[in-house]
Amino acid sequence: GLAGSRAFPPPQDVLAFIVTEAASG
C-alpha cells in the first residue's frame, strides 16, 4: 500500500491471480 507500484502488488492481487489460474486449469 505504501509503495503503490505495479511492481509490488498486494496479497489480494496475487490471490486473485491464483484463483483465476486455478479456475482455468
PDBML (XML) file of the C-alpha atoms, coordinates in Angstrom:
<?xml version="1.0" encoding="UTF-8" ?>
<PDBx:datablock datablockName="MODEL"
   xmlns:PDBx="http://pdbml.pdb.org/schema/pdbx-v50.xsd"
   xmlns:xsi="http://www.w3.org/2001/XMLSchema-instance"
   xsi:schemaLocation="http://pdbml.pdb.org/schema/pdbx-v50.xsd pdbx-v50.xsd">
   <PDBx:atom_siteCategory>
      <PDBx:atom_site id="1">
         <PDBx:B_iso_or_equiv>0.00</PDBx:B_iso_or_equiv>
         <PDBx:Cartn_x>0.000</PDBx:Cartn_x>
         <PDBx:Cartn_y>0.000</PDBx:Cartn_y>
         <PDBx:Cartn_z>0.000</PDBx:Cartn_z>
         <PDBx:auth_asym_id>A</PDBx:auth_asym_id>
         <PDBx:auth_atom_id>CA</PDBx:auth_atom_id>
         <PDBx:auth_comp_id>GLY</PDBx:auth_comp_id>
         <PDBx:auth_seq_id>1</PDBx:auth_seq_id>
         <PDBx:group_PDB>ATOM</PDBx:group_PDB>
         <PDBx:label_alt_id xsi:nil="true" />
         <PDBx:label_asym_id>A</PDBx:label_asym_id>
         <PDBx:label_atom_id>CA</PDBx:label_atom_id>
         <PDBx:label_comp_id>GLY</PDBx:label_comp_id>
         <PDBx:label_entity_id>1</PDBx:label_entity_id>
         <PDBx:label_seq_id>1</PDBx:label_seq_id>
         <PDBx:occupancy>1.00</PDBx:occupancy>
         <PDBx:pdbx_PDB_model_num>1</PDBx:pdbx_PDB_model_num>
         <PDBx:type_symbol>C</PDBx:type_symbol>
      </PDBx:atom_site>
      <PDBx:atom_site id="2">
         <PDBx:B_iso_or_equiv>0.00</PDBx:B_iso_or_equiv>
         <PDBx:Cartn_x>2.827</PDBx:Cartn_x>
         <PDBx:Cartn_y>2.408</PDBx:Cartn_y>
         <PDBx:Cartn_z>0.793</PDBx:Cartn_z>
         <PDBx:auth_asym_id>A</PDBx:auth_asym_id>
         <PDBx:auth_atom_id>CA</PDBx:auth_atom_id>
         <PDBx:auth_comp_id>LEU</PDBx:auth_comp_id>
         <PDBx:auth_seq_id>2</PDBx:auth_seq_id>
         <PDBx:group_PDB>ATOM</PDBx:group_PDB>
         <PDBx:label_alt_id xsi:nil="true" />
         <PDBx:label_asym_id>A</PDBx:label_asym_id>
         <PDBx:label_atom_id>CA</PDBx:label_atom_id>
         <PDBx:label_comp_id>LEU</PDBx:label_comp_id>
         <PDBx:label_entity_id>1</PDBx:label_entity_id>
         <PDBx:label_seq_id>2</PDBx:label_seq_id>
         <PDBx:occupancy>1.00</PDBx:occupancy>
         <PDBx:pdbx_PDB_model_num>1</PDBx:pdbx_PDB_model_num>
         <PDBx:type_symbol>C</PDBx:type_symbol>
      </PDBx:atom_site>
      <PDBx:atom_site id="3">
         <PDBx:B_iso_or_equiv>0.00</PDBx:B_iso_or_equiv>
         <PDBx:Cartn_x>4.713</PDBx:Cartn_x>
         <PDBx:Cartn_y>1.533</PDBx:Cartn_y>
         <PDBx:Cartn_z>-2.410</PDBx:Cartn_z>
         <PDBx:auth_asym_id>A</PDBx:auth_asym_id>
         <PDBx:auth_atom_id>CA</PDBx:auth_atom_id>
         <PDBx:auth_comp_id>ALA</PDBx:auth_comp_id>
         <PDBx:auth_seq_id>3</PDBx:auth_seq_id>
         <PDBx:group_PDB>ATOM</PDBx:group_PDB>
         <PDBx:label_alt_id xsi:nil="true" />
         <PDBx:label_asym_id>A</PDBx:label_asym_id>
         <PDBx:label_atom_id>CA</PDBx:label_atom_id>
         <PDBx:label_comp_id>ALA</PDBx:label_comp_id>
         <PDBx:label_entity_id>1</PDBx:label_entity_id>
         <PDBx:label_seq_id>3</PDBx:label_seq_id>
         <PDBx:occupancy>1.00</PDBx:occupancy>
         <PDBx:pdbx_PDB_model_num>1</PDBx:pdbx_PDB_model_num>
         <PDBx:type_symbol>C</PDBx:type_symbol>
      </PDBx:atom_site>
      <PDBx:atom_site id="4">
         <PDBx:B_iso_or_equiv>0.00</PDBx:B_iso_or_equiv>
         <PDBx:Cartn_x>1.650</PDBx:Cartn_x>
         <PDBx:Cartn_y>1.912</PDBx:Cartn_y>
         <PDBx:Cartn_z>-4.635</PDBx:Cartn_z>
         <PDBx:auth_asym_id>A</PDBx:auth_asym_id>
         <PDBx:auth_atom_id>CA</PDBx:auth_atom_id>
         <PDBx:auth_comp_id>GLY</PDBx:auth_comp_id>
         <PDBx:auth_seq_id>4</PDBx:auth_seq_id>
         <PDBx:group_PDB>ATOM</PDBx:group_PDB>
         <PDBx:label_alt_id xsi:nil="true" />
         <PDBx:label_asym_id>A</PDBx:label_asym_id>
         <PDBx:label_atom_id>CA</PDBx:label_atom_id>
         <PDBx:label_comp_id>GLY</PDBx:label_comp_id>
         <PDBx:label_entity_id>1</PDBx:label_entity_id>
         <PDBx:label_seq_id>4</PDBx:label_seq_id>
         <PDBx:occupancy>1.00</PDBx:occupancy>
         <PDBx:pdbx_PDB_model_num>1</PDBx:pdbx_PDB_model_num>
         <PDBx:type_symbol>C</PDBx:type_symbol>
      </PDBx:atom_site>
      <PDBx:atom_site id="5">
         <PDBx:B_iso_or_equiv>0.00</PDBx:B_iso_or_equiv>
         <PDBx:Cartn_x>3.520</PDBx:Cartn_x>
         <PDBx:Cartn_y>0.290</PDBx:Cartn_y>
         <PDBx:Cartn_z>-7.516</PDBx:Cartn_z>
         <PDBx:auth_asym_id>A</PDBx:auth_asym_id>
         <PDBx:auth_atom_id>CA</PDBx:auth_atom_id>
         <PDBx:auth_comp_id>SER</PDBx:auth_comp_id>
         <PDBx:auth_seq_id>5</PDBx:auth_seq_id>
         <PDBx:group_PDB>ATOM</PDBx:group_PDB>
         <PDBx:label_alt_id xsi:nil="true" />
         <PDBx:label_asym_id>A</PDBx:label_asym_id>
         <PDBx:label_atom_id>CA</PDBx:label_atom_id>
         <PDBx:label_comp_id>SER</PDBx:label_comp_id>
         <PDBx:label_entity_id>1</PDBx:label_entity_id>
         <PDBx:label_seq_id>5</PDBx:label_seq_id>
         <PDBx:occupancy>1.00</PDBx:occupancy>
         <PDBx:pdbx_PDB_model_num>1</PDBx:pdbx_PDB_model_num>
         <PDBx:type_symbol>C</PDBx:type_symbol>
      </PDBx:atom_site>
      <PDBx:atom_site id="6">
         <PDBx:B_iso_or_equiv>0.00</PDBx:B_iso_or_equiv>
         <PDBx:Cartn_x>2.551</PDBx:Cartn_x>
         <PDBx:Cartn_y>-2.384</PDBx:Cartn_y>
         <PDBx:Cartn_z>-10.042</PDBx:Cartn_z>
         <PDBx:auth_asym_id>A</PDBx:auth_asym_id>
         <PDBx:auth_atom_id>CA</PDBx:auth_atom_id>
         <PDBx:auth_comp_id>ARG</PDBx:auth_comp_id>
         <PDBx:auth_seq_id>6</PDBx:auth_seq_id>
         <PDBx:group_PDB>ATOM</PDBx:group_PDB>
         <PDBx:label_alt_id xsi:nil="true" />
         <PDBx:label_asym_id>A</PDBx:label_asym_id>
         <PDBx:label_atom_id>CA</PDBx:label_atom_id>
         <PDBx:label_comp_id>ARG</PDBx:label_comp_id>
         <PDBx:label_entity_id>1</PDBx:label_entity_id>
         <PDBx:label_seq_id>6</PDBx:label_seq_id>
         <PDBx:occupancy>1.00</PDBx:occupancy>
         <PDBx:pdbx_PDB_model_num>1</PDBx:pdbx_PDB_model_num>
         <PDBx:type_symbol>C</PDBx:type_symbol>
      </PDBx:atom_site>
      <PDBx:atom_site id="7">
         <PDBx:B_iso_or_equiv>0.00</PDBx:B_iso_or_equiv>
         <PDBx:Cartn_x>5.941</PDBx:Cartn_x>
         <PDBx:Cartn_y>-3.936</PDBx:Cartn_y>
         <PDBx:Cartn_z>-9.349</PDBx:Cartn_z>
         <PDBx:auth_asym_id>A</PDBx:auth_asym_id>
         <PDBx:auth_atom_id>CA</PDBx:auth_atom_id>
         <PDBx:auth_comp_id>ALA</PDBx:auth_comp_id>
         <PDBx:auth_seq_id>7</PDBx:auth_seq_id>
         <PDBx:group_PDB>ATOM</PDBx:group_PDB>
         <PDBx:label_alt_id xsi:nil="true" />
         <PDBx:label_asym_id>A</PDBx:label_asym_id>
         <PDBx:label_atom_id>CA</PDBx:label_atom_id>
         <PDBx:label_comp_id>ALA</PDBx:label_comp_id>
         <PDBx:label_entity_id>1</PDBx:label_entity_id>
         <PDBx:label_seq_id>7</PDBx:label_seq_id>
         <PDBx:occupancy>1.00</PDBx:occupancy>
         <PDBx:pdbx_PDB_model_num>1</PDBx:pdbx_PDB_model_num>
         <PDBx:type_symbol>C</PDBx:type_symbol>
      </PDBx:atom_site>
      <PDBx:atom_site id="8">
         <PDBx:B_iso_or_equiv>0.00</PDBx:B_iso_or_equiv>
         <PDBx:Cartn_x>4.911</PDBx:Cartn_x>
         <PDBx:Cartn_y>-4.644</PDBx:Cartn_y>
         <PDBx:Cartn_z>-5.738</PDBx:Cartn_z>
         <PDBx:auth_asym_id>A</PDBx:auth_asym_id>
         <PDBx:auth_atom_id>CA</PDBx:auth_atom_id>
         <PDBx:auth_comp_id>PHE</PDBx:auth_comp_id>
         <PDBx:auth_seq_id>8</PDBx:auth_seq_id>
         <PDBx:group_PDB>ATOM</PDBx:group_PDB>
         <PDBx:label_alt_id xsi:nil="true" />
         <PDBx:label_asym_id>A</PDBx:label_asym_id>
         <PDBx:label_atom_id>CA</PDBx:label_atom_id>
         <PDBx:label_comp_id>PHE</PDBx:label_comp_id>
         <PDBx:label_entity_id>1</PDBx:label_entity_id>
         <PDBx:label_seq_id>8</PDBx:label_seq_id>
         <PDBx:occupancy>1.00</PDBx:occupancy>
         <PDBx:pdbx_PDB_model_num>1</PDBx:pdbx_PDB_model_num>
         <PDBx:type_symbol>C</PDBx:type_symbol>
      </PDBx:atom_site>
      <PDBx:atom_site id="9">
         <PDBx:B_iso_or_equiv>0.00</PDBx:B_iso_or_equiv>
         <PDBx:Cartn_x>1.321</PDBx:Cartn_x>
         <PDBx:Cartn_y>-5.959</PDBx:Cartn_y>
         <PDBx:Cartn_z>-5.785</PDBx:Cartn_z>
         <PDBx:auth_asym_id>A</PDBx:auth_asym_id>
         <PDBx:auth_atom_id>CA</PDBx:auth_atom_id>
         <PDBx:auth_comp_id>PRO</PDBx:auth_comp_id>
         <PDBx:auth_seq_id>9</PDBx:auth_seq_id>
         <PDBx:group_PDB>ATOM</PDBx:group_PDB>
         <PDBx:label_alt_id xsi:nil="true" />
         <PDBx:label_asym_id>A</PDBx:label_asym_id>
         <PDBx:label_atom_id>CA</PDBx:label_atom_id>
         <PDBx:label_comp_id>PRO</PDBx:label_comp_id>
         <PDBx:label_entity_id>1</PDBx:label_entity_id>
         <PDBx:label_seq_id>9</PDBx:label_seq_id>
         <PDBx:occupancy>1.00</PDBx:occupancy>
         <PDBx:pdbx_PDB_model_num>1</PDBx:pdbx_PDB_model_num>
         <PDBx:type_symbol>C</PDBx:type_symbol>
      </PDBx:atom_site>
      <PDBx:atom_site id="10">
         <PDBx:B_iso_or_equiv>0.00</PDBx:B_iso_or_equiv>
         <PDBx:Cartn_x>-0.659</PDBx:Cartn_x>
         <PDBx:Cartn_y>-6.518</PDBx:Cartn_y>
         <PDBx:Cartn_z>-2.553</PDBx:Cartn_z>
         <PDBx:auth_asym_id>A</PDBx:auth_asym_id>
         <PDBx:auth_atom_id>CA</PDBx:auth_atom_id>
         <PDBx:auth_comp_id>PRO</PDBx:auth_comp_id>
         <PDBx:auth_seq_id>10</PDBx:auth_seq_id>
         <PDBx:group_PDB>ATOM</PDBx:group_PDB>
         <PDBx:label_alt_id xsi:nil="true" />
         <PDBx:label_asym_id>A</PDBx:label_asym_id>
         <PDBx:label_atom_id>CA</PDBx:label_atom_id>
         <PDBx:label_comp_id>PRO</PDBx:label_comp_id>
         <PDBx:label_entity_id>1</PDBx:label_entity_id>
         <PDBx:label_seq_id>10</PDBx:label_seq_id>
         <PDBx:occupancy>1.00</PDBx:occupancy>
         <PDBx:pdbx_PDB_model_num>1</PDBx:pdbx_PDB_model_num>
         <PDBx:type_symbol>C</PDBx:type_symbol>
      </PDBx:atom_site>
      <PDBx:atom_site id="11">
         <PDBx:B_iso_or_equiv>0.00</PDBx:B_iso_or_equiv>
         <PDBx:Cartn_x>-1.600</PDBx:Cartn_x>
         <PDBx:Cartn_y>-10.008</PDBx:Cartn_y>
         <PDBx:Cartn_z>-1.379</PDBx:Cartn_z>
         <PDBx:auth_asym_id>A</PDBx:auth_asym_id>
         <PDBx:auth_atom_id>CA</PDBx:auth_atom_id>
         <PDBx:auth_comp_id>PRO</PDBx:auth_comp_id>
         <PDBx:auth_seq_id>11</PDBx:auth_seq_id>
         <PDBx:group_PDB>ATOM</PDBx:group_PDB>
         <PDBx:label_alt_id xsi:nil="true" />
         <PDBx:label_asym_id>A</PDBx:label_asym_id>
         <PDBx:label_atom_id>CA</PDBx:label_atom_id>
         <PDBx:label_comp_id>PRO</PDBx:label_comp_id>
         <PDBx:label_entity_id>1</PDBx:label_entity_id>
         <PDBx:label_seq_id>11</PDBx:label_seq_id>
         <PDBx:occupancy>1.00</PDBx:occupancy>
         <PDBx:pdbx_PDB_model_num>1</PDBx:pdbx_PDB_model_num>
         <PDBx:type_symbol>C</PDBx:type_symbol>
      </PDBx:atom_site>
      <PDBx:atom_site id="12">
         <PDBx:B_iso_or_equiv>0.00</PDBx:B_iso_or_equiv>
         <PDBx:Cartn_x>-5.173</PDBx:Cartn_x>
         <PDBx:Cartn_y>-9.757</PDBx:Cartn_y>
         <PDBx:Cartn_z>-2.665</PDBx:Cartn_z>
         <PDBx:auth_asym_id>A</PDBx:auth_asym_id>
         <PDBx:auth_atom_id>CA</PDBx:auth_atom_id>
         <PDBx:auth_comp_id>GLN</PDBx:auth_comp_id>
         <PDBx:auth_seq_id>12</PDBx:auth_seq_id>
         <PDBx:group_PDB>ATOM</PDBx:group_PDB>
         <PDBx:label_alt_id xsi:nil="true" />
         <PDBx:label_asym_id>A</PDBx:label_asym_id>
         <PDBx:label_atom_id>CA</PDBx:label_atom_id>
         <PDBx:label_comp_id>GLN</PDBx:label_comp_id>
         <PDBx:label_entity_id>1</PDBx:label_entity_id>
         <PDBx:label_seq_id>12</PDBx:label_seq_id>
         <PDBx:occupancy>1.00</PDBx:occupancy>
         <PDBx:pdbx_PDB_model_num>1</PDBx:pdbx_PDB_model_num>
         <PDBx:type_symbol>C</PDBx:type_symbol>
      </PDBx:atom_site>
      <PDBx:atom_site id="13">
         <PDBx:B_iso_or_equiv>0.00</PDBx:B_iso_or_equiv>
         <PDBx:Cartn_x>-3.954</PDBx:Cartn_x>
         <PDBx:Cartn_y>-9.217</PDBx:Cartn_y>
         <PDBx:Cartn_z>-6.236</PDBx:Cartn_z>
         <PDBx:auth_asym_id>A</PDBx:auth_asym_id>
         <PDBx:auth_atom_id>CA</PDBx:auth_atom_id>
         <PDBx:auth_comp_id>ASP</PDBx:auth_comp_id>
         <PDBx:auth_seq_id>13</PDBx:auth_seq_id>
         <PDBx:group_PDB>ATOM</PDBx:group_PDB>
         <PDBx:label_alt_id xsi:nil="true" />
         <PDBx:label_asym_id>A</PDBx:label_asym_id>
         <PDBx:label_atom_id>CA</PDBx:label_atom_id>
         <PDBx:label_comp_id>ASP</PDBx:label_comp_id>
         <PDBx:label_entity_id>1</PDBx:label_entity_id>
         <PDBx:label_seq_id>13</PDBx:label_seq_id>
         <PDBx:occupancy>1.00</PDBx:occupancy>
         <PDBx:pdbx_PDB_model_num>1</PDBx:pdbx_PDB_model_num>
         <PDBx:type_symbol>C</PDBx:type_symbol>
      </PDBx:atom_site>
      <PDBx:atom_site id="14">
         <PDBx:B_iso_or_equiv>0.00</PDBx:B_iso_or_equiv>
         <PDBx:Cartn_x>-1.737</PDBx:Cartn_x>
         <PDBx:Cartn_y>-12.279</PDBx:Cartn_y>
         <PDBx:Cartn_z>-6.038</PDBx:Cartn_z>
         <PDBx:auth_asym_id>A</PDBx:auth_asym_id>
         <PDBx:auth_atom_id>CA</PDBx:auth_atom_id>
         <PDBx:auth_comp_id>VAL</PDBx:auth_comp_id>
         <PDBx:auth_seq_id>14</PDBx:auth_seq_id>
         <PDBx:group_PDB>ATOM</PDBx:group_PDB>
         <PDBx:label_alt_id xsi:nil="true" />
         <PDBx:label_asym_id>A</PDBx:label_asym_id>
         <PDBx:label_atom_id>CA</PDBx:label_atom_id>
         <PDBx:label_comp_id>VAL</PDBx:label_comp_id>
         <PDBx:label_entity_id>1</PDBx:label_entity_id>
         <PDBx:label_seq_id>14</PDBx:label_seq_id>
         <PDBx:occupancy>1.00</PDBx:occupancy>
         <PDBx:pdbx_PDB_model_num>1</PDBx:pdbx_PDB_model_num>
         <PDBx:type_symbol>C</PDBx:type_symbol>
      </PDBx:atom_site>
      <PDBx:atom_site id="15">
         <PDBx:B_iso_or_equiv>0.00</PDBx:B_iso_or_equiv>
         <PDBx:Cartn_x>-4.583</PDBx:Cartn_x>
         <PDBx:Cartn_y>-14.324</PDBx:Cartn_y>
         <PDBx:Cartn_z>-4.558</PDBx:Cartn_z>
         <PDBx:auth_asym_id>A</PDBx:auth_asym_id>
         <PDBx:auth_atom_id>CA</PDBx:auth_atom_id>
         <PDBx:auth_comp_id>LEU</PDBx:auth_comp_id>
         <PDBx:auth_seq_id>15</PDBx:auth_seq_id>
         <PDBx:group_PDB>ATOM</PDBx:group_PDB>
         <PDBx:label_alt_id xsi:nil="true" />
         <PDBx:label_asym_id>A</PDBx:label_asym_id>
         <PDBx:label_atom_id>CA</PDBx:label_atom_id>
         <PDBx:label_comp_id>LEU</PDBx:label_comp_id>
         <PDBx:label_entity_id>1</PDBx:label_entity_id>
         <PDBx:label_seq_id>15</PDBx:label_seq_id>
         <PDBx:occupancy>1.00</PDBx:occupancy>
         <PDBx:pdbx_PDB_model_num>1</PDBx:pdbx_PDB_model_num>
         <PDBx:type_symbol>C</PDBx:type_symbol>
      </PDBx:atom_site>
      <PDBx:atom_site id="16">
         <PDBx:B_iso_or_equiv>0.00</PDBx:B_iso_or_equiv>
         <PDBx:Cartn_x>-6.932</PDBx:Cartn_x>
         <PDBx:Cartn_y>-13.165</PDBx:Cartn_y>
         <PDBx:Cartn_z>-7.331</PDBx:Cartn_z>
         <PDBx:auth_asym_id>A</PDBx:auth_asym_id>
         <PDBx:auth_atom_id>CA</PDBx:auth_atom_id>
         <PDBx:auth_comp_id>ALA</PDBx:auth_comp_id>
         <PDBx:auth_seq_id>16</PDBx:auth_seq_id>
         <PDBx:group_PDB>ATOM</PDBx:group_PDB>
         <PDBx:label_alt_id xsi:nil="true" />
         <PDBx:label_asym_id>A</PDBx:label_asym_id>
         <PDBx:label_atom_id>CA</PDBx:label_atom_id>
         <PDBx:label_comp_id>ALA</PDBx:label_comp_id>
         <PDBx:label_entity_id>1</PDBx:label_entity_id>
         <PDBx:label_seq_id>16</PDBx:label_seq_id>
         <PDBx:occupancy>1.00</PDBx:occupancy>
         <PDBx:pdbx_PDB_model_num>1</PDBx:pdbx_PDB_model_num>
         <PDBx:type_symbol>C</PDBx:type_symbol>
      </PDBx:atom_site>
      <PDBx:atom_site id="17">
         <PDBx:B_iso_or_equiv>0.00</PDBx:B_iso_or_equiv>
         <PDBx:Cartn_x>-4.421</PDBx:Cartn_x>
         <PDBx:Cartn_y>-14.305</PDBx:Cartn_y>
         <PDBx:Cartn_z>-9.960</PDBx:Cartn_z>
         <PDBx:auth_asym_id>A</PDBx:auth_asym_id>
         <PDBx:auth_atom_id>CA</PDBx:auth_atom_id>
         <PDBx:auth_comp_id>PHE</PDBx:auth_comp_id>
         <PDBx:auth_seq_id>17</PDBx:auth_seq_id>
         <PDBx:group_PDB>ATOM</PDBx:group_PDB>
         <PDBx:label_alt_id xsi:nil="true" />
         <PDBx:label_asym_id>A</PDBx:label_asym_id>
         <PDBx:label_atom_id>CA</PDBx:label_atom_id>
         <PDBx:label_comp_id>PHE</PDBx:label_comp_id>
         <PDBx:label_entity_id>1</PDBx:label_entity_id>
         <PDBx:label_seq_id>17</PDBx:label_seq_id>
         <PDBx:occupancy>1.00</PDBx:occupancy>
         <PDBx:pdbx_PDB_model_num>1</PDBx:pdbx_PDB_model_num>
         <PDBx:type_symbol>C</PDBx:type_symbol>
      </PDBx:atom_site>
      <PDBx:atom_site id="18">
         <PDBx:B_iso_or_equiv>0.00</PDBx:B_iso_or_equiv>
         <PDBx:Cartn_x>-4.046</PDBx:Cartn_x>
         <PDBx:Cartn_y>-17.727</PDBx:Cartn_y>
         <PDBx:Cartn_z>-8.284</PDBx:Cartn_z>
         <PDBx:auth_asym_id>A</PDBx:auth_asym_id>
         <PDBx:auth_atom_id>CA</PDBx:auth_atom_id>
         <PDBx:auth_comp_id>ILE</PDBx:auth_comp_id>
         <PDBx:auth_seq_id>18</PDBx:auth_seq_id>
         <PDBx:group_PDB>ATOM</PDBx:group_PDB>
         <PDBx:label_alt_id xsi:nil="true" />
         <PDBx:label_asym_id>A</PDBx:label_asym_id>
         <PDBx:label_atom_id>CA</PDBx:label_atom_id>
         <PDBx:label_comp_id>ILE</PDBx:label_comp_id>
         <PDBx:label_entity_id>1</PDBx:label_entity_id>
         <PDBx:label_seq_id>18</PDBx:label_seq_id>
         <PDBx:occupancy>1.00</PDBx:occupancy>
         <PDBx:pdbx_PDB_model_num>1</PDBx:pdbx_PDB_model_num>
         <PDBx:type_symbol>C</PDBx:type_symbol>
      </PDBx:atom_site>
      <PDBx:atom_site id="19">
         <PDBx:B_iso_or_equiv>0.00</PDBx:B_iso_or_equiv>
         <PDBx:Cartn_x>-7.827</PDBx:Cartn_x>
         <PDBx:Cartn_y>-18.193</PDBx:Cartn_y>
         <PDBx:Cartn_z>-8.217</PDBx:Cartn_z>
         <PDBx:auth_asym_id>A</PDBx:auth_asym_id>
         <PDBx:auth_atom_id>CA</PDBx:auth_atom_id>
         <PDBx:auth_comp_id>VAL</PDBx:auth_comp_id>
         <PDBx:auth_seq_id>19</PDBx:auth_seq_id>
         <PDBx:group_PDB>ATOM</PDBx:group_PDB>
         <PDBx:label_alt_id xsi:nil="true" />
         <PDBx:label_asym_id>A</PDBx:label_asym_id>
         <PDBx:label_atom_id>CA</PDBx:label_atom_id>
         <PDBx:label_comp_id>VAL</PDBx:label_comp_id>
         <PDBx:label_entity_id>1</PDBx:label_entity_id>
         <PDBx:label_seq_id>19</PDBx:label_seq_id>
         <PDBx:occupancy>1.00</PDBx:occupancy>
         <PDBx:pdbx_PDB_model_num>1</PDBx:pdbx_PDB_model_num>
         <PDBx:type_symbol>C</PDBx:type_symbol>
      </PDBx:atom_site>
      <PDBx:atom_site id="20">
         <PDBx:B_iso_or_equiv>0.00</PDBx:B_iso_or_equiv>
         <PDBx:Cartn_x>-8.127</PDBx:Cartn_x>
         <PDBx:Cartn_y>-17.232</PDBx:Cartn_y>
         <PDBx:Cartn_z>-11.897</PDBx:Cartn_z>
         <PDBx:auth_asym_id>A</PDBx:auth_asym_id>
         <PDBx:auth_atom_id>CA</PDBx:auth_atom_id>
         <PDBx:auth_comp_id>THR</PDBx:auth_comp_id>
         <PDBx:auth_seq_id>20</PDBx:auth_seq_id>
         <PDBx:group_PDB>ATOM</PDBx:group_PDB>
         <PDBx:label_alt_id xsi:nil="true" />
         <PDBx:label_asym_id>A</PDBx:label_asym_id>
         <PDBx:label_atom_id>CA</PDBx:label_atom_id>
         <PDBx:label_comp_id>THR</PDBx:label_comp_id>
         <PDBx:label_entity_id>1</PDBx:label_entity_id>
         <PDBx:label_seq_id>20</PDBx:label_seq_id>
         <PDBx:occupancy>1.00</PDBx:occupancy>
         <PDBx:pdbx_PDB_model_num>1</PDBx:pdbx_PDB_model_num>
         <PDBx:type_symbol>C</PDBx:type_symbol>
      </PDBx:atom_site>
      <PDBx:atom_site id="21">
         <PDBx:B_iso_or_equiv>0.00</PDBx:B_iso_or_equiv>
         <PDBx:Cartn_x>-5.320</PDBx:Cartn_x>
         <PDBx:Cartn_y>-19.561</PDBx:Cartn_y>
         <PDBx:Cartn_z>-12.983</PDBx:Cartn_z>
         <PDBx:auth_asym_id>A</PDBx:auth_asym_id>
         <PDBx:auth_atom_id>CA</PDBx:auth_atom_id>
         <PDBx:auth_comp_id>GLU</PDBx:auth_comp_id>
         <PDBx:auth_seq_id>21</PDBx:auth_seq_id>
         <PDBx:group_PDB>ATOM</PDBx:group_PDB>
         <PDBx:label_alt_id xsi:nil="true" />
         <PDBx:label_asym_id>A</PDBx:label_asym_id>
         <PDBx:label_atom_id>CA</PDBx:label_atom_id>
         <PDBx:label_comp_id>GLU</PDBx:label_comp_id>
         <PDBx:label_entity_id>1</PDBx:label_entity_id>
         <PDBx:label_seq_id>21</PDBx:label_seq_id>
         <PDBx:occupancy>1.00</PDBx:occupancy>
         <PDBx:pdbx_PDB_model_num>1</PDBx:pdbx_PDB_model_num>
         <PDBx:type_symbol>C</PDBx:type_symbol>
      </PDBx:atom_site>
      <PDBx:atom_site id="22">
         <PDBx:B_iso_or_equiv>0.00</PDBx:B_iso_or_equiv>
         <PDBx:Cartn_x>-6.704</PDBx:Cartn_x>
         <PDBx:Cartn_y>-22.390</PDBx:Cartn_y>
         <PDBx:Cartn_z>-10.879</PDBx:Cartn_z>
         <PDBx:auth_asym_id>A</PDBx:auth_asym_id>
         <PDBx:auth_atom_id>CA</PDBx:auth_atom_id>
         <PDBx:auth_comp_id>ALA</PDBx:auth_comp_id>
         <PDBx:auth_seq_id>22</PDBx:auth_seq_id>
         <PDBx:group_PDB>ATOM</PDBx:group_PDB>
         <PDBx:label_alt_id xsi:nil="true" />
         <PDBx:label_asym_id>A</PDBx:label_asym_id>
         <PDBx:label_atom_id>CA</PDBx:label_atom_id>
         <PDBx:label_comp_id>ALA</PDBx:label_comp_id>
         <PDBx:label_entity_id>1</PDBx:label_entity_id>
         <PDBx:label_seq_id>22</PDBx:label_seq_id>
         <PDBx:occupancy>1.00</PDBx:occupancy>
         <PDBx:pdbx_PDB_model_num>1</PDBx:pdbx_PDB_model_num>
         <PDBx:type_symbol>C</PDBx:type_symbol>
      </PDBx:atom_site>
      <PDBx:atom_site id="23">
         <PDBx:B_iso_or_equiv>0.00</PDBx:B_iso_or_equiv>
         <PDBx:Cartn_x>-10.171</PDBx:Cartn_x>
         <PDBx:Cartn_y>-21.959</PDBx:Cartn_y>
         <PDBx:Cartn_z>-12.416</PDBx:Cartn_z>
         <PDBx:auth_asym_id>A</PDBx:auth_asym_id>
         <PDBx:auth_atom_id>CA</PDBx:auth_atom_id>
         <PDBx:auth_comp_id>ALA</PDBx:auth_comp_id>
         <PDBx:auth_seq_id>23</PDBx:auth_seq_id>
         <PDBx:group_PDB>ATOM</PDBx:group_PDB>
         <PDBx:label_alt_id xsi:nil="true" />
         <PDBx:label_asym_id>A</PDBx:label_asym_id>
         <PDBx:label_atom_id>CA</PDBx:label_atom_id>
         <PDBx:label_comp_id>ALA</PDBx:label_comp_id>
         <PDBx:label_entity_id>1</PDBx:label_entity_id>
         <PDBx:label_seq_id>23</PDBx:label_seq_id>
         <PDBx:occupancy>1.00</PDBx:occupancy>
         <PDBx:pdbx_PDB_model_num>1</PDBx:pdbx_PDB_model_num>
         <PDBx:type_symbol>C</PDBx:type_symbol>
      </PDBx:atom_site>
      <PDBx:atom_site id="24">
         <PDBx:B_iso_or_equiv>0.00</PDBx:B_iso_or_equiv>
         <PDBx:Cartn_x>-8.746</PDBx:Cartn_x>
         <PDBx:Cartn_y>-22.106</PDBx:Cartn_y>
         <PDBx:Cartn_z>-15.946</PDBx:Cartn_z>
         <PDBx:auth_asym_id>A</PDBx:auth_asym_id>
         <PDBx:auth_atom_id>CA</PDBx:auth_atom_id>
         <PDBx:auth_comp_id>SER</PDBx:auth_comp_id>
         <PDBx:auth_seq_id>24</PDBx:auth_seq_id>
         <PDBx:group_PDB>ATOM</PDBx:group_PDB>
         <PDBx:label_alt_id xsi:nil="true" />
         <PDBx:label_asym_id>A</PDBx:label_asym_id>
         <PDBx:label_atom_id>CA</PDBx:label_atom_id>
         <PDBx:label_comp_id>SER</PDBx:label_comp_id>
         <PDBx:label_entity_id>1</PDBx:label_entity_id>
         <PDBx:label_seq_id>24</PDBx:label_seq_id>
         <PDBx:occupancy>1.00</PDBx:occupancy>
         <PDBx:pdbx_PDB_model_num>1</PDBx:pdbx_PDB_model_num>
         <PDBx:type_symbol>C</PDBx:type_symbol>
      </PDBx:atom_site>
      <PDBx:atom_site id="25">
         <PDBx:B_iso_or_equiv>0.00</PDBx:B_iso_or_equiv>
         <PDBx:Cartn_x>-6.716</PDBx:Cartn_x>
         <PDBx:Cartn_y>-25.257</PDBx:Cartn_y>
         <PDBx:Cartn_z>-15.196</PDBx:Cartn_z>
         <PDBx:auth_asym_id>A</PDBx:auth_asym_id>
         <PDBx:auth_atom_id>CA</PDBx:auth_atom_id>
         <PDBx:auth_comp_id>GLY</PDBx:auth_comp_id>
         <PDBx:auth_seq_id>25</PDBx:auth_seq_id>
         <PDBx:group_PDB>ATOM</PDBx:group_PDB>
         <PDBx:label_alt_id xsi:nil="true" />
         <PDBx:label_asym_id>A</PDBx:label_asym_id>
         <PDBx:label_atom_id>CA</PDBx:label_atom_id>
         <PDBx:label_comp_id>GLY</PDBx:label_comp_id>
         <PDBx:label_entity_id>1</PDBx:label_entity_id>
         <PDBx:label_seq_id>25</PDBx:label_seq_id>
         <PDBx:occupancy>1.00</PDBx:occupancy>
         <PDBx:pdbx_PDB_model_num>1</PDBx:pdbx_PDB_model_num>
         <PDBx:type_symbol>C</PDBx:type_symbol>
      </PDBx:atom_site>
   </PDBx:atom_siteCategory>
</PDBx:datablock>
